[in-house]
Every structure is written in C-alpha cells, then in structure tokens.
N, C-alpha and C. Protein backbone atom coordinates (compact mmCIF):
# COMPACT_ATOMS: atom_id res chain seq x y z
N UNK A 1 -9.40 1.04 39.40
CA UNK A 1 -8.17 1.17 38.64
C UNK A 1 -8.45 0.87 37.17
N UNK A 2 -8.23 1.84 36.28
CA UNK A 2 -8.50 1.58 34.86
C UNK A 2 -7.48 0.59 34.27
N UNK A 3 -7.92 -0.09 33.25
CA UNK A 3 -7.04 -1.04 32.55
C UNK A 3 -6.10 -0.27 31.63
N UNK A 4 -5.16 -0.98 31.04
CA UNK A 4 -4.27 -0.36 30.05
C UNK A 4 -5.07 0.20 28.88
N UNK A 5 -6.19 -0.43 28.59
CA UNK A 5 -7.03 0.01 27.48
C UNK A 5 -7.72 1.33 27.80
N UNK A 6 -8.24 1.46 29.00
CA UNK A 6 -9.04 2.63 29.33
C UNK A 6 -8.29 3.71 30.11
N UNK A 7 -7.02 3.49 30.44
CA UNK A 7 -6.24 4.49 31.18
C UNK A 7 -6.17 5.81 30.41
N UNK A 8 -6.07 5.71 29.09
CA UNK A 8 -6.18 6.89 28.23
C UNK A 8 -7.56 6.82 27.60
N UNK A 9 -8.35 7.83 27.85
CA UNK A 9 -9.74 7.83 27.36
C UNK A 9 -9.78 7.90 25.84
N UNK A 10 -10.78 7.27 25.23
CA UNK A 10 -10.94 7.39 23.78
C UNK A 10 -11.17 8.85 23.39
N UNK A 11 -10.78 9.17 22.19
CA UNK A 11 -10.99 10.52 21.66
C UNK A 11 -12.48 10.78 21.53
N UNK A 12 -12.86 12.04 21.60
CA UNK A 12 -14.27 12.36 21.32
C UNK A 12 -14.64 11.90 19.91
N UNK A 13 -15.90 11.62 19.70
CA UNK A 13 -16.36 11.04 18.43
C UNK A 13 -15.95 11.86 17.21
N UNK A 14 -16.00 13.19 17.29
CA UNK A 14 -15.64 14.00 16.13
C UNK A 14 -14.16 13.84 15.79
N UNK A 15 -13.30 13.75 16.79
CA UNK A 15 -11.87 13.55 16.53
C UNK A 15 -11.60 12.13 16.03
N UNK A 16 -12.30 11.15 16.60
CA UNK A 16 -12.14 9.76 16.15
C UNK A 16 -12.56 9.63 14.69
N UNK A 17 -13.68 10.25 14.33
CA UNK A 17 -14.14 10.20 12.95
C UNK A 17 -13.10 10.80 12.01
N UNK A 18 -12.57 11.96 12.35
CA UNK A 18 -11.56 12.61 11.50
C UNK A 18 -10.32 11.72 11.36
N UNK A 19 -9.92 11.09 12.43
CA UNK A 19 -8.75 10.21 12.39
C UNK A 19 -8.99 9.02 11.45
N UNK A 20 -10.12 8.35 11.60
CA UNK A 20 -10.38 7.16 10.79
C UNK A 20 -10.65 7.50 9.34
N UNK A 21 -11.27 8.63 9.06
CA UNK A 21 -11.42 9.07 7.68
C UNK A 21 -10.05 9.28 7.06
N UNK A 22 -9.16 9.93 7.81
CA UNK A 22 -7.80 10.19 7.30
C UNK A 22 -7.06 8.89 7.00
N UNK A 23 -7.26 7.87 7.81
CA UNK A 23 -6.59 6.59 7.54
C UNK A 23 -6.93 6.06 6.15
N UNK A 24 -8.19 6.20 5.75
CA UNK A 24 -8.60 5.70 4.44
C UNK A 24 -8.03 6.54 3.30
N UNK A 25 -7.59 7.75 3.58
CA UNK A 25 -6.92 8.56 2.57
C UNK A 25 -5.50 8.05 2.31
N UNK A 26 -4.94 7.35 3.28
CA UNK A 26 -3.56 6.90 3.20
C UNK A 26 -3.40 5.42 2.95
N UNK A 27 -4.40 4.63 3.31
CA UNK A 27 -4.29 3.18 3.23
C UNK A 27 -5.51 2.54 2.60
N UNK A 28 -5.27 1.38 2.01
CA UNK A 28 -6.33 0.50 1.56
C UNK A 28 -5.95 -0.89 2.05
N UNK A 29 -6.78 -1.88 1.85
CA UNK A 29 -6.41 -3.21 2.32
C UNK A 29 -6.38 -4.21 1.17
N UNK A 30 -5.91 -5.38 1.48
CA UNK A 30 -5.71 -6.41 0.46
C UNK A 30 -7.02 -6.81 -0.21
N UNK A 31 -8.08 -6.93 0.56
CA UNK A 31 -9.36 -7.33 -0.02
C UNK A 31 -9.84 -6.30 -1.03
N UNK A 32 -9.75 -5.02 -0.67
CA UNK A 32 -10.20 -3.97 -1.58
C UNK A 32 -9.35 -3.93 -2.85
N UNK A 33 -8.05 -4.15 -2.71
CA UNK A 33 -7.17 -4.19 -3.89
C UNK A 33 -7.56 -5.38 -4.77
N UNK A 34 -7.73 -6.54 -4.16
CA UNK A 34 -8.10 -7.75 -4.91
C UNK A 34 -9.41 -7.54 -5.67
N UNK A 35 -10.40 -7.02 -4.98
CA UNK A 35 -11.71 -6.78 -5.59
C UNK A 35 -11.59 -5.78 -6.75
N UNK A 36 -10.83 -4.72 -6.53
CA UNK A 36 -10.66 -3.70 -7.57
C UNK A 36 -9.91 -4.24 -8.77
N UNK A 37 -8.87 -5.04 -8.53
CA UNK A 37 -8.12 -5.63 -9.65
C UNK A 37 -9.02 -6.54 -10.48
N UNK A 38 -9.93 -7.25 -9.83
CA UNK A 38 -10.80 -8.18 -10.56
C UNK A 38 -11.82 -7.45 -11.43
N UNK A 39 -12.06 -6.18 -11.14
CA UNK A 39 -13.04 -5.40 -11.90
C UNK A 39 -12.39 -4.38 -12.83
N UNK A 40 -11.07 -4.34 -12.86
CA UNK A 40 -10.37 -3.37 -13.68
C UNK A 40 -9.96 -2.18 -12.82
N UNK A 41 -8.78 -2.23 -12.33
CA UNK A 41 -8.31 -1.23 -11.36
C UNK A 41 -8.16 0.16 -11.97
N UNK A 42 -8.42 1.16 -11.17
CA UNK A 42 -8.22 2.55 -11.56
C UNK A 42 -6.99 3.13 -10.83
N UNK A 43 -6.02 2.28 -10.60
CA UNK A 43 -4.78 2.65 -9.93
C UNK A 43 -3.67 1.74 -10.45
N UNK A 44 -2.44 2.12 -10.15
CA UNK A 44 -1.28 1.30 -10.49
C UNK A 44 -0.76 0.70 -9.19
N UNK A 45 -0.65 -0.61 -9.17
CA UNK A 45 -0.16 -1.33 -8.00
C UNK A 45 1.34 -1.53 -8.11
N UNK A 46 2.08 -0.98 -7.15
CA UNK A 46 3.54 -1.08 -7.16
C UNK A 46 4.04 -1.98 -6.05
N UNK A 47 4.76 -3.00 -6.45
CA UNK A 47 5.50 -3.84 -5.51
C UNK A 47 6.86 -3.18 -5.37
N UNK A 48 7.15 -2.64 -4.20
CA UNK A 48 8.37 -1.86 -4.01
C UNK A 48 9.53 -2.69 -3.43
N UNK A 49 9.38 -4.01 -3.46
CA UNK A 49 10.46 -4.89 -2.98
C UNK A 49 11.49 -5.09 -4.08
N UNK A 50 12.51 -5.84 -3.76
CA UNK A 50 13.58 -6.12 -4.73
C UNK A 50 13.06 -6.99 -5.87
N UNK A 51 13.72 -6.94 -7.03
CA UNK A 51 13.32 -7.82 -8.14
C UNK A 51 13.36 -9.30 -7.76
N UNK A 52 14.31 -9.70 -6.93
CA UNK A 52 14.39 -11.11 -6.51
C UNK A 52 13.16 -11.51 -5.70
N UNK A 53 12.74 -10.65 -4.78
CA UNK A 53 11.55 -10.96 -3.98
C UNK A 53 10.30 -10.93 -4.86
N UNK A 54 10.22 -9.99 -5.77
CA UNK A 54 9.10 -9.91 -6.70
C UNK A 54 8.98 -11.19 -7.51
N UNK A 55 10.11 -11.71 -8.00
CA UNK A 55 10.10 -12.93 -8.81
C UNK A 55 9.63 -14.14 -8.02
N UNK A 56 9.90 -14.16 -6.72
CA UNK A 56 9.47 -15.28 -5.87
C UNK A 56 7.96 -15.31 -5.70
N UNK A 57 7.32 -14.16 -5.75
CA UNK A 57 5.88 -14.09 -5.61
C UNK A 57 5.41 -12.67 -5.40
N UNK A 58 4.42 -12.26 -6.19
CA UNK A 58 3.89 -10.92 -6.10
C UNK A 58 2.39 -10.93 -6.40
N UNK A 59 1.75 -9.82 -6.10
CA UNK A 59 0.33 -9.69 -6.40
C UNK A 59 0.17 -9.64 -7.91
N UNK A 60 -0.69 -10.49 -8.47
CA UNK A 60 -0.91 -10.44 -9.92
C UNK A 60 -1.33 -9.04 -10.38
N UNK A 61 -0.69 -8.56 -11.42
CA UNK A 61 -0.99 -7.24 -11.93
C UNK A 61 -0.09 -6.14 -11.39
N UNK A 62 0.72 -6.48 -10.39
CA UNK A 62 1.62 -5.48 -9.81
C UNK A 62 2.81 -5.23 -10.71
N UNK A 63 3.34 -4.04 -10.61
CA UNK A 63 4.57 -3.65 -11.31
C UNK A 63 5.67 -3.58 -10.26
N UNK A 64 6.81 -4.14 -10.58
CA UNK A 64 7.93 -4.08 -9.64
C UNK A 64 8.72 -2.79 -9.84
N UNK A 65 8.73 -1.96 -8.82
CA UNK A 65 9.53 -0.74 -8.82
C UNK A 65 10.03 -0.54 -7.40
N UNK A 66 11.23 -1.06 -7.09
CA UNK A 66 11.76 -0.92 -5.73
C UNK A 66 11.74 0.54 -5.27
N UNK A 67 11.45 0.73 -4.00
CA UNK A 67 11.26 2.10 -3.50
C UNK A 67 12.46 2.99 -3.77
N UNK A 68 13.66 2.46 -3.78
CA UNK A 68 14.84 3.26 -4.06
C UNK A 68 14.95 3.70 -5.51
N UNK A 69 14.15 3.10 -6.38
CA UNK A 69 14.18 3.42 -7.81
C UNK A 69 13.03 4.33 -8.23
N UNK A 70 12.23 4.75 -7.28
CA UNK A 70 11.12 5.64 -7.59
C UNK A 70 11.68 7.06 -7.74
N UNK A 71 11.86 7.44 -8.98
CA UNK A 71 12.42 8.76 -9.31
C UNK A 71 11.54 9.41 -10.38
N UNK A 72 11.65 10.70 -10.50
CA UNK A 72 10.81 11.46 -11.43
C UNK A 72 10.83 10.88 -12.84
N UNK A 73 12.01 10.54 -13.36
CA UNK A 73 12.10 10.06 -14.74
C UNK A 73 11.31 8.77 -14.95
N UNK A 74 11.28 7.89 -13.96
CA UNK A 74 10.52 6.64 -14.10
C UNK A 74 9.02 6.89 -13.99
N UNK A 75 8.64 7.90 -13.23
CA UNK A 75 7.22 8.16 -13.03
C UNK A 75 6.59 8.87 -14.21
N UNK A 76 7.41 9.39 -15.12
CA UNK A 76 6.87 10.08 -16.30
C UNK A 76 6.09 9.15 -17.23
N UNK A 77 6.19 7.86 -17.00
CA UNK A 77 5.43 6.89 -17.80
C UNK A 77 3.93 6.97 -17.51
N UNK A 78 3.55 7.61 -16.39
CA UNK A 78 2.15 7.71 -15.99
C UNK A 78 1.72 9.17 -15.91
N UNK A 79 0.43 9.40 -16.17
CA UNK A 79 -0.14 10.73 -16.00
C UNK A 79 0.04 11.20 -14.56
N UNK A 80 0.06 12.50 -14.38
CA UNK A 80 0.23 13.10 -13.05
C UNK A 80 -0.89 12.69 -12.09
N UNK A 81 -2.08 12.42 -12.60
CA UNK A 81 -3.23 12.10 -11.76
C UNK A 81 -3.31 10.62 -11.38
N UNK A 82 -2.43 9.80 -11.96
CA UNK A 82 -2.47 8.36 -11.70
C UNK A 82 -2.31 8.10 -10.21
N UNK A 83 -3.19 7.28 -9.68
CA UNK A 83 -3.12 6.90 -8.26
C UNK A 83 -2.27 5.63 -8.16
N UNK A 84 -1.35 5.64 -7.22
CA UNK A 84 -0.49 4.49 -6.98
C UNK A 84 -0.83 3.87 -5.64
N UNK A 85 -0.73 2.54 -5.59
CA UNK A 85 -0.86 1.80 -4.34
C UNK A 85 0.42 1.00 -4.19
N UNK A 86 1.15 1.27 -3.12
CA UNK A 86 2.43 0.62 -2.88
C UNK A 86 2.27 -0.47 -1.83
N UNK A 87 3.01 -1.56 -2.02
CA UNK A 87 3.04 -2.61 -1.00
C UNK A 87 4.44 -3.20 -0.92
N UNK A 88 4.70 -3.85 0.22
CA UNK A 88 5.98 -4.54 0.42
C UNK A 88 5.68 -5.91 1.04
N UNK A 89 6.56 -6.40 1.86
CA UNK A 89 6.40 -7.74 2.43
C UNK A 89 5.26 -7.84 3.43
N UNK A 90 5.08 -6.83 4.23
CA UNK A 90 4.02 -6.87 5.22
C UNK A 90 4.24 -5.88 6.34
N UNK A 91 3.51 -6.06 7.44
CA UNK A 91 3.56 -5.10 8.53
C UNK A 91 4.95 -4.96 9.16
N UNK A 92 5.78 -5.96 8.99
CA UNK A 92 7.14 -5.93 9.56
C UNK A 92 8.12 -5.17 8.66
N UNK A 93 7.64 -4.66 7.53
CA UNK A 93 8.48 -4.03 6.52
C UNK A 93 8.02 -2.58 6.31
N UNK A 94 8.96 -1.66 6.17
CA UNK A 94 8.57 -0.27 5.94
C UNK A 94 8.79 0.16 4.49
N UNK A 95 9.00 -0.78 3.60
CA UNK A 95 9.23 -0.47 2.19
C UNK A 95 8.05 0.25 1.55
N UNK A 96 6.83 -0.13 1.89
CA UNK A 96 5.66 0.54 1.31
C UNK A 96 5.62 2.00 1.73
N UNK A 97 5.92 2.26 2.98
CA UNK A 97 5.95 3.65 3.46
C UNK A 97 7.07 4.42 2.79
N UNK A 98 8.21 3.79 2.59
CA UNK A 98 9.31 4.47 1.90
C UNK A 98 8.91 4.79 0.45
N UNK A 99 8.29 3.84 -0.21
CA UNK A 99 7.84 4.07 -1.58
C UNK A 99 6.76 5.14 -1.64
N UNK A 100 5.82 5.09 -0.71
CA UNK A 100 4.75 6.09 -0.68
C UNK A 100 5.32 7.49 -0.43
N UNK A 101 6.30 7.57 0.44
CA UNK A 101 6.93 8.86 0.70
C UNK A 101 7.60 9.40 -0.55
N UNK A 102 8.32 8.55 -1.26
CA UNK A 102 8.98 9.01 -2.49
C UNK A 102 7.95 9.48 -3.52
N UNK A 103 6.86 8.74 -3.65
CA UNK A 103 5.80 9.14 -4.58
C UNK A 103 5.19 10.48 -4.16
N UNK A 104 4.92 10.63 -2.88
CA UNK A 104 4.33 11.87 -2.38
C UNK A 104 5.29 13.04 -2.61
N UNK A 105 6.57 12.81 -2.42
CA UNK A 105 7.56 13.87 -2.65
C UNK A 105 7.62 14.28 -4.13
N UNK A 106 7.20 13.36 -5.01
CA UNK A 106 7.14 13.67 -6.43
C UNK A 106 5.78 14.23 -6.84
N UNK A 107 4.93 14.46 -5.85
CA UNK A 107 3.61 15.03 -6.12
C UNK A 107 2.60 14.04 -6.64
N UNK A 108 2.85 12.75 -6.43
CA UNK A 108 1.96 11.71 -6.95
C UNK A 108 0.97 11.24 -5.88
N UNK A 109 -0.30 11.04 -6.26
CA UNK A 109 -1.27 10.50 -5.30
C UNK A 109 -0.95 9.04 -4.99
N UNK A 110 -0.96 8.70 -3.71
CA UNK A 110 -0.51 7.37 -3.31
C UNK A 110 -1.21 6.90 -2.04
N UNK A 111 -1.40 5.60 -2.00
CA UNK A 111 -1.87 4.91 -0.80
C UNK A 111 -0.97 3.70 -0.58
N UNK A 112 -1.05 3.14 0.59
CA UNK A 112 -0.35 1.90 0.92
C UNK A 112 -1.37 0.78 1.02
N UNK A 113 -1.02 -0.41 0.53
CA UNK A 113 -1.85 -1.59 0.75
C UNK A 113 -1.38 -2.20 2.06
N UNK A 114 -2.15 -1.96 3.12
CA UNK A 114 -1.76 -2.47 4.42
C UNK A 114 -1.76 -4.00 4.40
N UNK A 115 -0.81 -4.57 5.08
CA UNK A 115 -0.66 -6.02 5.12
C UNK A 115 0.35 -6.55 4.14
N UNK A 116 0.52 -5.87 3.00
CA UNK A 116 1.49 -6.30 2.01
C UNK A 116 1.29 -7.74 1.57
N UNK A 117 2.37 -8.38 1.19
CA UNK A 117 2.31 -9.79 0.76
C UNK A 117 1.76 -10.68 1.86
N UNK A 118 2.16 -10.43 3.11
CA UNK A 118 1.66 -11.24 4.23
C UNK A 118 0.15 -11.17 4.32
N UNK A 119 -0.40 -9.96 4.22
CA UNK A 119 -1.84 -9.79 4.28
C UNK A 119 -2.55 -10.42 3.10
N UNK A 120 -1.94 -10.29 1.92
CA UNK A 120 -2.50 -10.87 0.71
C UNK A 120 -2.65 -12.38 0.86
N UNK A 121 -1.59 -13.00 1.34
CA UNK A 121 -1.62 -14.46 1.53
C UNK A 121 -2.58 -14.86 2.64
N UNK A 122 -2.62 -14.08 3.70
CA UNK A 122 -3.53 -14.35 4.82
C UNK A 122 -4.98 -14.36 4.34
N UNK A 123 -5.31 -13.47 3.42
CA UNK A 123 -6.66 -13.42 2.86
C UNK A 123 -6.96 -14.61 1.95
N UNK A 124 -5.93 -15.40 1.62
CA UNK A 124 -6.13 -16.58 0.76
C UNK A 124 -5.98 -16.28 -0.71
N UNK A 125 -5.44 -15.11 -1.05
CA UNK A 125 -5.26 -14.74 -2.45
C UNK A 125 -3.96 -15.33 -2.98
N UNK A 126 -3.98 -15.68 -4.25
CA UNK A 126 -2.82 -16.28 -4.91
C UNK A 126 -1.78 -15.23 -5.27
N UNK A 127 -0.53 -15.69 -5.33
CA UNK A 127 0.57 -14.85 -5.80
C UNK A 127 0.95 -15.32 -7.20
N UNK A 128 1.49 -14.41 -7.96
CA UNK A 128 2.09 -14.75 -9.26
C UNK A 128 3.59 -14.84 -9.06
N UNK A 129 4.25 -15.68 -9.82
CA UNK A 129 5.70 -15.81 -9.74
C UNK A 129 6.32 -15.35 -11.04
N UNK A 130 7.60 -15.06 -10.98
CA UNK A 130 8.33 -14.61 -12.16
C UNK A 130 8.33 -13.10 -12.26
N UNK A 131 9.01 -12.60 -13.28
CA UNK A 131 9.13 -11.14 -13.39
C UNK A 131 8.31 -10.58 -14.49
C-alpha cells in the first residue's frame, strides 16, 4: 500500500525540472533578497501591506505601495524594464500575489518574495520601523 507521499508518482525528471525552473521565474526568497540588497539591488522591493503595517516594521529599503494602489500612474515613476519584488506578511497572506498580479497586468516584470515578513524574521534579518 503506497503512502500519501507516493500514492501519486513524482513527475518525470524533465517535467519536474521545467516546474522548478518556472518557480524561480515567479519567486525569490528572503535570503536572496537580503543578500542582493546588501550588494546594491537591481530591483525595487515593494511592501504591499497597509501603511500602518509598514510603519510597524518592514524590510529595510522597501517602498510601501499597498497592492490596491498599484496603478499605471504610480508605476510611471520607474522604467518599464524595472523588476519588482513584492512581499506581504507571509505565507498566510495573499497580498504579495495580489500585488504581483496587478504589476503583471500593467506589463511589469515581477517576482514574489516568498515568506514575506514572517520569512524575513525567521531568517534572523532585522526590520526597519517608521514610514
């Protein structure tokens, strides 16, 4: 009797590779963001939570732009090729996906920082406070 894990067989290696490569096109993680920020990031980090949550603590260097406020007129401040990385509170929150969707609908390149604030803190990285 197969276990819950093996009841559905793993995908063939070529399909698994394509799947995992695609994940990296859509997501990055907290460690990679932290490392990149320390060396001079080539992306804009967007905290898509509310201004109140941003003020309580955010990733240093992030810009607060709640996902509901991501509109064409606000995005004109950046070149069309600018890469955005969106984050929210964490895995229990879909704000980063909402923000990423809005950016994608505006034709902007975007990734999500998986883990959000929860992941950032779990990694032991400091938050900045204030707006």
